[in-house]
Amino acid sequence: MGKKMFILIVILMSISLIGIIAVQLYWINNAVESKKEQFKNEVQKSLGSVAERINTKEKDLFEKKIEGILSKQILASEAQIKSLFFQEIDTVNKQKLSFGSTILEENFEIPVDFLDNDTIIYKRVTGKKDFFQTRLIKGPDNLFASVDEKKYSFTKRLSNMEQSQIDDYFKDYNNIKPIHQRISNRELNATIKDELRKRNIDLDFKYGVYGSDGLATKLKSGYYTVSKADSYQYPLFFNYDNDPEFILYVTFPKKNKHILSGISNILLLSLFFILIIIVAFSGSLYQLIKQKKISEIKTDFINNMTHEFKTPIATINLALDSIKNPKIISDNEKVMRYVKMIRDENKRMHTQVENVLRISRLEKNQLEISKEIIDIHDVIDDAINHVSLIINDKKGTIKTHFQAITTELPGNDFHLTNVLVNILENSIKYSEGAPIIDVYTESTNKFFIIKIKDEGIGMSKNVQKHVFDKFYREQRGNIHDVKGHGLGLAYVKEIVDKHHGTVFVESEKGKGSIFTVKLPLI
């Protein structure tokens, strides 16, 4: 996959992910806002019902008081009659229509003890309506004319006019009496709770009644202080001009929890799917990057292996060509020297191939590692002997500092030797000049610890994270400046893991590295 194609795929996937998440978040926000609006409407309806119930109850009580007083009044203190008469004559149809209306107003002087005045004037209004229709009937067969008359009369109390008086007196009554005497805290609280429950709102709430001037009244729950941003409000009582005189404020401390609980299942499901999308995208992106990196590493590995095989193949070809030379083929000493050279180069190629196959078998769990009780100090000495010729050739030194008390542990002699050889060879390869290596051992109650310290070129933090990855090699310009194919330390980690141990590296650029291997004791 080309670099441009890889970048394009990543960009398209990112845009798709952002778009999907944006749509989900937009939907969630709309769902929450819709639920808030629904909750607000339900609360407003409940508060409206509260105000209506309180006003209706108060008015009914007032009217019963008035009716009780009126029932005791027999004679009016003053009365007057108002009459209206209307007549229409139709000469064509020979009929006459007459309409008469009489209104009787009786004034009763009523003593009351709940208004400032000693008495009030209450008008009892009675209305009578009379309707007359007269028609002259005369035909060709009739000798004498006859008259058809109809008469209707209606008498009733004009309750609308009387009710308007009661409404005016009721407003006077409201203005005189303090609000906390008109309704108690207990009644207001119970009414609010009842109306909210009718609409399935079973939440703790706080309330307060404030005047139109913003001053608090005694009607409130505890030490309630109004917060208009978080409260729902509704007019409770009105003045003469039908403007709100007192306003009821209600606050729900757990409002958000109640709103979210209604859509919690859908909300959690949506968030769960968003998480799955993010995880799937991250996993896909990680796999893409990993595959691209593996592809690059494998390409480098092939290049390195080609370079590693190129030299021995060229050497073998030169040796064969030399042997075929008539002057050399008769010289047994030179022939044997070239044969040894061919054998060494062949062995070198075999070692390279064996390393690759060994890693492959380890990954597929096809490599059997039998364990027995071994002395790890003997294994370390054996590994040092394997690299002694290389150390001597480079005029370097390896010093041992054996401080471990317990040295016996279950392990595989052959593979552990290879582990230590690989680490030592790594220290030798990445040392400028004569390698200086120190090997330390120590033991704890549960582990045997080996530390291999060198004074080489060291490595960066990023390299330390990947140094045990298969095929990984630090890029230092020309990738062939240090021999290898990135399998040695990967093999080290696999073997140590098979022994239920751990291996890690500490390093600083320009100051060297320390490889630490921890193996469990018996």
Protein backbone atom coordinates (compact mmCIF):
# COMPACT_ATOMS: atom_id res chain seq x y z
CA MET A 1 0.00 0.00 0.00
CA GLY A 2 1.39 3.38 -1.01
CA LYS A 3 1.86 6.17 1.47
CA LYS A 4 -0.68 8.44 -0.26
CA MET A 5 -3.30 5.68 -0.36
CA PHE A 6 -2.69 4.89 3.31
CA ILE A 7 -3.12 8.55 4.30
CA LEU A 8 -6.29 8.81 2.15
CA ILE A 9 -7.83 5.74 3.81
CA VAL A 10 -7.01 7.07 7.29
CA ILE A 11 -8.53 10.48 6.45
CA LEU A 12 -11.73 8.93 5.04
CA MET A 13 -12.10 6.63 8.04
CA SER A 14 -11.55 9.56 10.42
CA ILE A 15 -14.15 11.71 8.64
CA SER A 16 -16.65 8.83 8.74
CA LEU A 17 -16.03 8.26 12.46
CA ILE A 18 -16.35 11.96 13.30
CA GLY A 19 -19.55 12.17 11.24
CA ILE A 20 -21.14 9.14 12.92
CA ILE A 21 -20.22 10.37 16.40
CA ALA A 22 -21.48 13.89 15.56
CA VAL A 23 -24.85 12.50 14.40
CA GLN A 24 -25.14 10.37 17.54
CA LEU A 25 -24.28 13.28 19.82
CA TYR A 26 -26.74 15.52 17.93
CA TRP A 27 -29.47 12.93 18.41
CA ILE A 28 -28.65 12.54 22.10
CA ASN A 29 -28.72 16.31 22.60
CA ASN A 30 -32.09 16.58 20.83
CA ALA A 31 -33.49 13.73 22.92
CA VAL A 32 -32.35 15.40 26.16
CA GLU A 33 -33.70 18.81 25.10
CA SER A 34 -37.03 17.26 24.09
CA LYS A 35 -37.25 15.52 27.45
CA LYS A 36 -36.48 18.80 29.24
CA GLU A 37 -39.20 20.60 27.30
CA GLN A 38 -41.69 17.82 28.05
CA PHE A 39 -40.80 17.98 31.75
CA LYS A 40 -41.20 21.77 31.72
CA ASN A 41 -44.65 21.52 30.10
CA GLU A 42 -45.80 18.93 32.63
CA VAL A 43 -44.56 21.07 35.54
CA GLN A 44 -46.25 24.19 34.12
CA LYS A 45 -49.55 22.29 33.77
CA SER A 46 -49.21 21.06 37.35
CA LEU A 47 -48.53 24.57 38.69
CA GLY A 48 -51.48 25.90 36.66
CA SER A 49 -53.72 23.30 38.27
CA VAL A 50 -52.32 24.21 41.70
CA ALA A 51 -53.17 27.91 41.20
CA GLU A 52 -56.64 27.06 39.87
CA ARG A 53 -57.42 24.74 42.78
CA ILE A 54 -56.28 27.26 45.39
CA ASN A 55 -58.19 30.16 43.82
CA THR A 56 -61.34 28.09 43.29
CA LYS A 57 -61.32 26.79 46.83
CA GLU A 58 -60.77 30.27 48.28
CA LYS A 59 -63.55 31.76 46.16
CA ASP A 60 -65.99 28.97 47.05
CA LEU A 61 -65.35 29.55 50.75
CA PHE A 62 -65.93 33.31 50.32
CA GLU A 63 -69.19 32.79 48.42
CA LYS A 64 -70.47 30.42 51.09
CA LYS A 65 -69.83 33.13 53.69
CA ILE A 66 -71.78 35.68 51.63
CA GLU A 67 -74.63 33.24 51.01
CA GLY A 68 -74.80 32.45 54.71
CA ILE A 69 -75.18 36.12 55.57
CA LEU A 70 -77.72 36.76 52.78
CA SER A 71 -79.88 33.86 53.89
CA LYS A 72 -80.48 35.69 57.17
CA GLN A 73 -81.58 38.93 55.45
CA ILE A 74 -85.37 39.11 54.90
CA LEU A 75 -86.25 42.73 54.11
CA ALA A 76 -84.26 44.93 51.78
CA SER A 77 -83.20 48.34 53.06
CA GLU A 78 -83.91 49.92 49.66
CA ALA A 79 -85.42 48.82 46.36
CA GLN A 80 -85.94 50.27 42.90
CA ILE A 81 -87.65 49.14 39.74
CA LYS A 82 -86.39 49.74 36.21
CA SER A 83 -88.78 49.10 33.32
CA LEU A 84 -88.42 48.94 29.55
CA PHE A 85 -91.31 48.66 27.04
CA PHE A 86 -90.98 48.10 23.28
CA GLN A 87 -93.83 47.75 20.74
CA GLU A 88 -93.85 47.09 17.00
CA ILE A 89 -97.00 47.25 14.75
CA ASP A 90 -97.07 45.50 11.37
CA THR A 91 -100.01 46.95 9.30
CA VAL A 92 -99.40 44.70 6.34
CA ASN A 93 -99.70 41.46 8.28
CA LYS A 94 -102.06 43.07 10.80
CA GLN A 95 -100.12 42.02 13.86
CA LYS A 96 -98.63 43.73 16.89
CA LEU A 97 -95.51 42.68 18.88
CA SER A 98 -94.88 43.99 22.41
CA PHE A 99 -91.86 43.38 24.70
CA GLY A 100 -91.55 44.54 28.29
CA SER A 101 -88.63 44.12 30.74
CA THR A 102 -88.70 44.90 34.44
CA ILE A 103 -85.63 44.78 36.74
CA LEU A 104 -86.05 44.83 40.52
CA GLU A 105 -82.93 45.84 42.48
CA GLU A 106 -83.07 45.18 46.22
CA ASN A 107 -80.29 46.63 48.32
CA PHE A 108 -79.33 44.70 51.42
CA GLU A 109 -77.02 46.30 53.98
CA ILE A 110 -74.93 43.39 55.20
CA PRO A 111 -72.66 43.58 58.26
CA VAL A 112 -69.42 41.67 57.74
CA ASP A 113 -66.44 41.12 60.00
CA PHE A 114 -63.81 40.25 57.39
CA LEU A 115 -63.64 43.60 55.53
CA ASP A 116 -62.54 47.01 56.75
CA ASN A 117 -66.06 48.42 56.28
CA ASP A 118 -68.65 47.66 58.91
CA THR A 119 -71.23 46.89 56.26
CA ILE A 120 -71.45 46.28 52.52
CA ILE A 121 -74.32 46.93 50.13
CA TYR A 122 -75.38 43.82 48.28
CA LYS A 123 -77.80 44.13 45.40
CA ARG A 124 -80.21 41.31 44.75
CA VAL A 125 -81.37 41.65 41.16
CA THR A 126 -84.55 40.04 39.82
CA GLY A 127 -85.60 40.38 36.19
CA LYS A 128 -88.97 39.85 34.51
CA LYS A 129 -89.53 39.65 30.76
CA ASP A 130 -93.02 39.88 29.13
CA PHE A 131 -93.66 39.03 25.50
CA PHE A 132 -97.05 39.78 23.70
CA GLN A 133 -98.11 38.92 20.15
CA THR A 134 -101.53 39.94 18.71
CA ARG A 135 -102.74 39.06 15.22
CA LEU A 136 -106.08 39.96 13.50
CA ILE A 137 -107.54 37.00 11.56
CA LYS A 138 -110.18 37.78 8.87
CA GLY A 139 -110.94 35.72 5.75
CA PRO A 140 -113.64 35.55 2.96
CA ASP A 141 -115.52 32.84 4.81
CA ASN A 142 -115.47 34.68 8.12
CA LEU A 143 -118.28 37.06 8.89
CA PHE A 144 -116.55 38.52 11.91
CA ALA A 145 -112.88 39.22 12.52
CA SER A 146 -111.11 37.24 15.27
CA VAL A 147 -108.00 38.00 17.27
CA ASP A 148 -105.08 35.53 17.96
CA GLU A 149 -103.11 36.46 21.10
CA LYS A 150 -100.00 34.92 22.62
CA LYS A 151 -98.39 35.92 25.90
CA TYR A 152 -95.12 34.77 27.55
CA SER A 153 -93.57 35.87 30.85
CA PHE A 154 -90.16 34.92 32.38
CA THR A 155 -88.97 35.79 35.88
CA LYS A 156 -85.51 34.90 37.24
CA ARG A 157 -82.62 36.09 39.36
CA LEU A 158 -79.89 37.82 37.36
CA SER A 159 -77.03 35.82 38.84
CA ASN A 160 -74.40 37.30 36.51
CA MET A 161 -74.95 40.78 37.90
CA GLU A 162 -74.93 39.44 41.46
CA GLN A 163 -71.77 37.41 40.78
CA SER A 164 -69.89 40.49 39.60
CA GLN A 165 -70.54 42.08 42.99
CA ILE A 166 -69.20 38.99 44.74
CA ASP A 167 -66.11 39.07 42.53
CA ASP A 168 -65.41 42.69 43.47
CA TYR A 169 -65.86 41.96 47.18
CA PHE A 170 -63.62 38.90 46.80
CA LYS A 171 -60.83 41.10 45.38
CA ASP A 172 -61.23 43.47 48.36
CA TYR A 173 -61.00 40.48 50.64
CA ASN A 174 -57.77 39.33 48.91
CA ASN A 175 -56.10 42.72 49.21
CA ILE A 176 -56.82 42.99 52.94
CA LYS A 177 -55.93 39.49 54.10
CA PRO A 178 -52.16 38.46 54.21
CA ILE A 179 -51.29 35.64 51.84
CA HIS A 180 -50.08 33.27 54.57
CA GLN A 181 -53.56 33.53 56.12
CA ARG A 182 -55.23 32.72 52.82
CA ILE A 183 -53.32 29.45 52.39
CA SER A 184 -50.98 27.51 54.67
CA ASN A 185 -47.58 26.03 53.80
CA ARG A 186 -48.91 22.54 54.48
CA GLU A 187 -51.84 22.94 52.10
CA LEU A 188 -49.71 24.50 49.35
CA ASN A 189 -47.08 21.77 49.65
CA ALA A 190 -49.70 19.00 49.56
CA THR A 191 -51.46 20.55 46.55
CA ILE A 192 -48.21 20.87 44.58
CA LYS A 193 -47.22 17.30 45.40
CA ASP A 194 -50.67 15.97 44.41
CA GLU A 195 -50.71 17.75 41.04
CA LEU A 196 -47.17 16.64 40.22
CA ARG A 197 -47.99 13.00 41.00
CA LYS A 198 -50.99 13.16 38.67
CA ARG A 199 -48.44 13.72 35.89
CA ASN A 200 -46.02 11.04 37.13
CA ILE A 201 -43.52 13.53 38.57
CA ASP A 202 -42.52 12.01 41.90
CA LEU A 203 -39.53 14.21 42.73
CA ASP A 204 -38.37 16.13 45.77
CA PHE A 205 -39.03 19.84 45.26
CA LYS A 206 -38.63 23.18 46.95
CA TYR A 207 -41.01 26.08 46.53
CA GLY A 208 -41.42 29.72 47.43
CA VAL A 209 -44.08 32.39 46.86
CA TYR A 210 -42.83 35.86 45.96
CA GLY A 211 -44.70 39.10 45.42
CA SER A 212 -44.72 40.90 42.09
CA ASP A 213 -42.20 43.29 43.65
CA GLY A 214 -39.78 40.37 44.15
CA LEU A 215 -40.12 40.25 47.94
CA ALA A 216 -40.40 36.82 49.60
CA THR A 217 -43.46 35.77 51.58
CA LYS A 218 -43.80 33.31 54.45
CA LEU A 219 -44.96 30.64 52.02
CA LYS A 220 -41.79 28.66 51.26
CA SER A 221 -40.10 25.37 52.02
CA GLY A 222 -37.30 25.76 54.56
CA TYR A 223 -34.66 28.32 53.67
CA TYR A 224 -35.69 28.49 50.03
CA THR A 225 -34.08 31.20 47.93
CA VAL A 226 -35.40 31.67 44.44
CA SER A 227 -33.13 30.96 41.47
CA LYS A 228 -35.04 32.04 38.39
CA ALA A 229 -32.69 30.18 36.05
CA ASP A 230 -33.38 26.81 37.72
CA SER A 231 -36.99 27.39 38.85
CA TYR A 232 -40.38 26.99 37.24
CA GLN A 233 -42.82 29.83 37.94
CA TYR A 234 -46.56 30.39 37.72
CA PRO A 235 -48.88 33.22 38.90
CA LEU A 236 -50.70 32.23 42.07
CA PHE A 237 -53.01 35.24 42.75
CA PHE A 238 -54.04 38.27 40.66
CA ASN A 239 -54.85 41.91 41.56
CA TYR A 240 -57.69 44.22 40.37
CA ASP A 241 -56.06 44.66 36.94
CA ASN A 242 -55.65 40.88 36.55
CA ASP A 243 -51.88 41.26 36.81
CA PRO A 244 -49.93 38.63 38.81
CA GLU A 245 -49.78 39.73 42.45
CA PHE A 246 -47.99 36.66 43.82
CA ILE A 247 -45.84 34.18 41.88
CA LEU A 248 -45.14 30.57 42.85
CA TYR A 249 -41.58 29.30 42.16
CA VAL A 250 -40.75 25.59 42.25
CA THR A 251 -37.28 24.04 42.02
CA PHE A 252 -36.36 20.36 41.53
CA PRO A 253 -32.85 19.55 42.90
CA LYS A 254 -32.78 16.16 41.08
CA LYS A 255 -34.40 17.36 37.88
CA ASN A 256 -31.54 16.32 35.57
CA LYS A 257 -31.44 12.81 37.01
CA HIS A 258 -35.19 12.45 36.42
CA ILE A 259 -34.93 13.75 32.85
CA LEU A 260 -32.06 11.43 31.97
CA SER A 261 -33.71 8.44 33.63
CA GLY A 262 -36.47 8.55 31.04
CA ILE A 263 -34.02 8.03 28.18
CA SER A 264 -31.25 6.29 30.13
CA ASN A 265 -31.58 2.96 28.31
CA ILE A 266 -31.49 4.50 24.84
CA LEU A 267 -28.76 6.92 25.95
CA LEU A 268 -26.55 4.15 27.34
CA LEU A 269 -27.16 2.04 24.24
CA SER A 270 -26.19 4.94 21.99
CA LEU A 271 -23.05 5.66 24.02
CA PHE A 272 -22.22 1.94 23.95
CA PHE A 273 -22.43 1.89 20.15
CA ILE A 274 -20.32 5.05 19.96
CA LEU A 275 -17.72 3.30 22.11
CA ILE A 276 -17.83 0.25 19.84
CA ILE A 277 -17.36 2.46 16.79
CA ILE A 278 -14.38 4.22 18.41
CA VAL A 279 -12.83 0.92 19.50
CA ALA A 280 -13.39 -0.62 16.06
CA PHE A 281 -11.93 2.43 14.35
CA SER A 282 -8.95 2.55 16.72
CA GLY A 283 -8.38 -1.19 16.24
CA SER A 284 -8.62 -0.91 12.46
CA LEU A 285 -6.29 2.09 12.41
CA TYR A 286 -3.88 0.31 14.73
CA GLN A 287 -3.92 -2.79 12.52
CA LEU A 288 -3.39 -0.68 9.40
CA ILE A 289 -0.43 1.08 10.96
CA LYS A 290 0.89 -2.19 12.35
CA GLN A 291 0.55 -3.96 8.98
CA LYS A 292 2.22 -1.05 7.22
CA LYS A 293 5.00 -1.09 9.78
CA ILE A 294 5.36 -4.89 9.51
CA SER A 295 5.47 -4.55 5.74
CA GLU A 296 8.27 -1.98 6.01
CA ILE A 297 10.08 -4.08 8.61
CA LYS A 298 9.80 -7.21 6.47
CA THR A 299 11.14 -5.28 3.51
CA ASP A 300 14.11 -4.19 5.65
CA PHE A 301 14.45 -7.75 6.91
CA ILE A 302 14.60 -9.12 3.36
CA ASN A 303 17.16 -6.48 2.45
CA ASN A 304 19.23 -7.34 5.53
CA MET A 305 18.98 -11.08 4.93
CA THR A 306 19.93 -10.57 1.28
CA HIS A 307 22.92 -8.56 2.43
CA GLU A 308 23.79 -11.23 5.02
CA PHE A 309 23.62 -14.01 2.40
CA LYS A 310 25.29 -12.02 -0.35
CA THR A 311 28.68 -11.96 1.32
CA PRO A 312 28.94 -15.70 2.14
CA ILE A 313 27.62 -16.66 -1.30
CA ALA A 314 30.18 -14.41 -2.97
CA THR A 315 32.91 -15.86 -0.73
CA ILE A 316 31.87 -19.44 -1.57
CA ASN A 317 31.86 -18.65 -5.30
CA LEU A 318 35.34 -17.13 -5.10
CA ALA A 319 36.60 -20.12 -3.10
CA LEU A 320 35.17 -22.54 -5.67
CA ASP A 321 36.68 -20.58 -8.53
CA SER A 322 40.04 -20.62 -6.75
CA ILE A 323 39.87 -24.38 -6.15
CA LYS A 324 39.20 -24.96 -9.86
CA ASN A 325 42.44 -23.13 -10.64
CA PRO A 326 45.02 -25.79 -11.75
CA LYS A 327 47.74 -24.11 -9.72
CA ILE A 328 45.71 -24.28 -6.49
CA ILE A 329 43.95 -27.63 -6.88
CA SER A 330 47.31 -29.36 -6.65
CA ASP A 331 48.10 -27.50 -3.41
CA ASN A 332 46.36 -29.50 -0.69
CA GLU A 333 46.96 -26.89 1.97
CA LYS A 334 45.25 -24.12 -0.02
CA VAL A 335 42.42 -26.43 -1.06
CA MET A 336 41.76 -27.31 2.58
CA ARG A 337 41.85 -23.64 3.51
CA TYR A 338 39.24 -22.83 0.83
CA VAL A 339 37.13 -25.82 1.83
CA LYS A 340 37.18 -24.61 5.45
CA MET A 341 36.18 -21.16 4.23
CA ILE A 342 33.24 -22.68 2.29
CA ARG A 343 32.20 -24.70 5.35
CA ASP A 344 32.36 -21.64 7.63
CA GLU A 345 30.31 -19.50 5.26
CA ASN A 346 27.80 -22.31 4.80
CA LYS A 347 27.54 -22.68 8.57
CA ARG A 348 27.00 -18.94 8.85
CA MET A 349 24.10 -19.07 6.36
CA HIS A 350 22.68 -22.10 8.14
CA THR A 351 22.76 -20.18 11.44
CA GLN A 352 20.86 -17.27 9.88
CA VAL A 353 18.16 -19.60 8.49
CA GLU A 354 17.96 -21.48 11.78
CA ASN A 355 17.33 -18.24 13.69
CA VAL A 356 14.39 -17.40 11.41
CA LEU A 357 12.93 -20.91 11.71
CA ARG A 358 13.42 -20.92 15.48
CA ILE A 359 11.40 -17.70 15.87
CA SER A 360 8.68 -19.09 13.60
CA ARG A 361 8.45 -22.32 15.62
CA LEU A 362 8.32 -20.35 18.87
CA GLU A 363 5.38 -18.27 17.64
CA LYS A 364 3.49 -21.39 16.57
CA ASN A 365 4.35 -23.20 19.83
CA GLN A 366 6.11 -25.87 17.81
CA LEU A 367 9.41 -25.52 19.65
CA GLU A 368 9.57 -27.82 22.64
CA ILE A 369 11.50 -26.48 25.60
CA SER A 370 12.30 -29.15 28.12
CA LYS A 371 13.32 -27.90 31.55
CA GLU A 372 15.64 -29.33 34.13
CA ILE A 373 17.44 -28.02 37.17
CA ILE A 374 20.51 -26.06 35.99
CA ASP A 375 23.16 -23.87 37.56
CA ILE A 376 22.62 -20.48 35.90
CA HIS A 377 26.20 -19.35 36.67
CA ASP A 378 27.48 -22.24 34.52
CA VAL A 379 25.14 -21.11 31.73
CA ILE A 380 26.50 -17.55 31.96
CA ASP A 381 30.11 -18.81 31.79
CA ASP A 382 29.25 -20.94 28.77
CA ALA A 383 27.65 -17.93 26.99
CA ILE A 384 30.72 -15.78 27.70
CA ASN A 385 32.94 -18.49 26.19
CA HIS A 386 30.83 -18.38 23.00
CA VAL A 387 31.59 -14.69 22.46
CA SER A 388 35.11 -14.65 23.88
CA LEU A 389 36.75 -14.82 20.45
CA ILE A 390 34.70 -11.84 19.19
CA ILE A 391 35.55 -9.88 22.37
CA ASN A 392 39.24 -10.67 22.01
CA ASP A 393 39.18 -9.74 18.33
CA LYS A 394 37.79 -6.34 19.24
CA LYS A 395 40.15 -6.05 22.23
CA GLY A 396 37.21 -5.74 24.63
CA THR A 397 36.58 -7.10 28.13
CA ILE A 398 33.78 -8.97 29.94
CA LYS A 399 33.79 -8.89 33.73
CA THR A 400 31.53 -11.00 35.92
CA HIS A 401 30.13 -9.94 39.30
CA PHE A 402 28.37 -13.00 40.70
CA GLN A 403 26.56 -12.02 43.91
CA ALA A 404 23.60 -14.42 43.75
CA ILE A 405 23.29 -16.83 46.68
CA THR A 406 20.88 -19.27 45.00
CA THR A 407 21.94 -20.27 41.48
CA GLU A 408 19.83 -23.33 40.67
CA LEU A 409 16.59 -22.92 38.76
CA PRO A 410 14.38 -24.87 36.30
CA GLY A 411 15.32 -24.05 32.71
CA ASN A 412 16.65 -25.18 29.34
CA ASP A 413 20.43 -25.02 29.18
CA PHE A 414 20.62 -24.66 25.39
CA HIS A 415 18.02 -21.89 24.96
CA LEU A 416 19.12 -19.89 27.98
CA THR A 417 22.68 -19.98 26.67
CA ASN A 418 21.43 -18.62 23.35
CA VAL A 419 19.50 -15.90 25.21
CA LEU A 420 22.64 -14.67 26.96
CA VAL A 421 24.73 -15.01 23.78
CA ASN A 422 22.24 -12.86 21.87
CA ILE A 423 22.30 -10.14 24.54
CA LEU A 424 26.12 -10.21 24.71
CA GLU A 425 26.43 -10.08 20.91
CA ASN A 426 23.99 -7.14 20.88
CA SER A 427 26.19 -5.31 23.41
CA ILE A 428 29.28 -6.03 21.32
CA LYS A 429 27.71 -4.92 18.01
CA TYR A 430 26.48 -1.61 19.40
CA SER A 431 29.72 -0.62 21.14
CA GLU A 432 32.02 1.87 19.47
CA GLY A 433 35.60 0.82 19.91
CA ALA A 434 36.56 -1.89 22.40
CA PRO A 435 33.43 -3.35 24.08
CA ILE A 436 33.36 -3.07 27.89
CA ILE A 437 30.74 -5.40 29.36
CA ASP A 438 29.87 -6.26 32.98
CA VAL A 439 27.66 -9.18 33.98
CA TYR A 440 25.95 -8.98 37.41
CA THR A 441 23.88 -11.60 39.19
CA GLU A 442 21.77 -11.46 42.33
CA SER A 443 18.94 -13.48 43.83
CA THR A 444 15.79 -12.74 45.81
CA ASN A 445 13.33 -15.07 47.49
CA LYS A 446 11.57 -15.76 44.18
CA PHE A 447 13.80 -14.64 41.31
CA PHE A 448 17.28 -14.94 39.89
CA ILE A 449 18.35 -11.65 38.30
CA ILE A 450 20.96 -11.23 35.55
CA LYS A 451 22.11 -7.76 34.48
CA ILE A 452 24.32 -7.27 31.41
CA LYS A 453 25.72 -3.75 31.29
CA ASP A 454 27.64 -2.22 28.38
CA GLU A 455 29.11 1.17 27.59
CA GLY A 456 27.92 1.26 24.00
CA ILE A 457 25.99 3.84 22.02
CA GLY A 458 22.77 3.33 24.03
CA MET A 459 19.28 3.87 22.66
CA SER A 460 16.41 6.35 22.85
CA LYS A 461 13.17 5.85 24.79
CA ASN A 462 11.29 5.08 21.58
CA VAL A 463 13.78 2.38 20.59
CA GLN A 464 13.53 0.80 24.06
CA LYS A 465 9.77 0.32 23.51
CA HIS A 466 10.32 -1.72 20.32
CA VAL A 467 13.72 -3.33 20.85
CA PHE A 468 12.15 -6.75 21.59
CA ASP A 469 9.79 -6.62 18.57
CA LYS A 470 10.38 -9.06 15.77
CA PHE A 471 12.33 -7.67 12.79
CA TYR A 472 12.84 -4.33 14.57
CA ARG A 473 16.16 -2.57 14.07
CA GLU A 474 17.03 1.01 14.91
CA GLN A 475 17.41 3.09 11.78
CA ARG A 476 20.83 4.73 11.71
CA GLY A 477 21.16 5.98 8.13
CA ASN A 478 22.60 2.96 6.32
CA ILE A 479 20.64 -0.02 7.67
CA HIS A 480 23.57 -2.34 7.01
CA ASP A 481 26.09 -0.49 9.16
CA VAL A 482 25.49 -3.08 11.91
CA LYS A 483 25.04 -6.75 11.01
CA GLY A 484 21.74 -8.39 12.01
CA HIS A 485 18.13 -8.92 11.04
CA GLY A 486 16.13 -7.91 14.09
CA LEU A 487 15.42 -11.42 15.42
CA GLY A 488 17.96 -11.84 18.23
CA LEU A 489 16.19 -9.87 20.96
CA ALA A 490 12.78 -11.09 19.79
CA TYR A 491 14.09 -14.63 20.36
CA VAL A 492 15.37 -13.55 23.79
CA LYS A 493 11.93 -12.33 24.86
CA GLU A 494 10.17 -15.47 23.59
CA ILE A 495 12.51 -17.80 25.48
CA VAL A 496 12.36 -15.77 28.70
CA ASP A 497 8.54 -15.71 28.47
CA LYS A 498 8.56 -19.52 28.02
CA HIS A 499 10.51 -19.68 31.30
CA HIS A 500 7.83 -17.46 32.96
CA GLY A 501 10.39 -14.69 33.41
CA THR A 502 10.72 -11.08 32.29
CA VAL A 503 13.30 -9.15 30.34
CA PHE A 504 13.63 -5.37 29.95
CA VAL A 505 16.22 -2.78 29.04
CA GLU A 506 17.36 0.50 30.58
CA SER A 507 19.40 2.76 28.38
CA GLU A 508 20.58 6.29 27.78
CA LYS A 509 21.78 7.62 24.48
CA GLY A 510 25.60 7.73 24.38
CA LYS A 511 26.02 6.10 27.80
CA GLY A 512 25.22 2.44 27.21
CA SER A 513 22.49 -0.04 28.10
CA ILE A 514 21.58 -2.49 30.86
CA PHE A 515 19.61 -5.63 29.94
CA THR A 516 17.91 -7.27 32.92
CA VAL A 517 16.61 -10.85 32.89
CA LYS A 518 14.49 -12.12 35.80
CA LEU A 519 13.95 -15.89 36.02
CA PRO A 520 11.85 -17.65 38.68
CA LEU A 521 13.73 -19.86 41.13
CA ILE A 522 12.65 -23.34 42.18
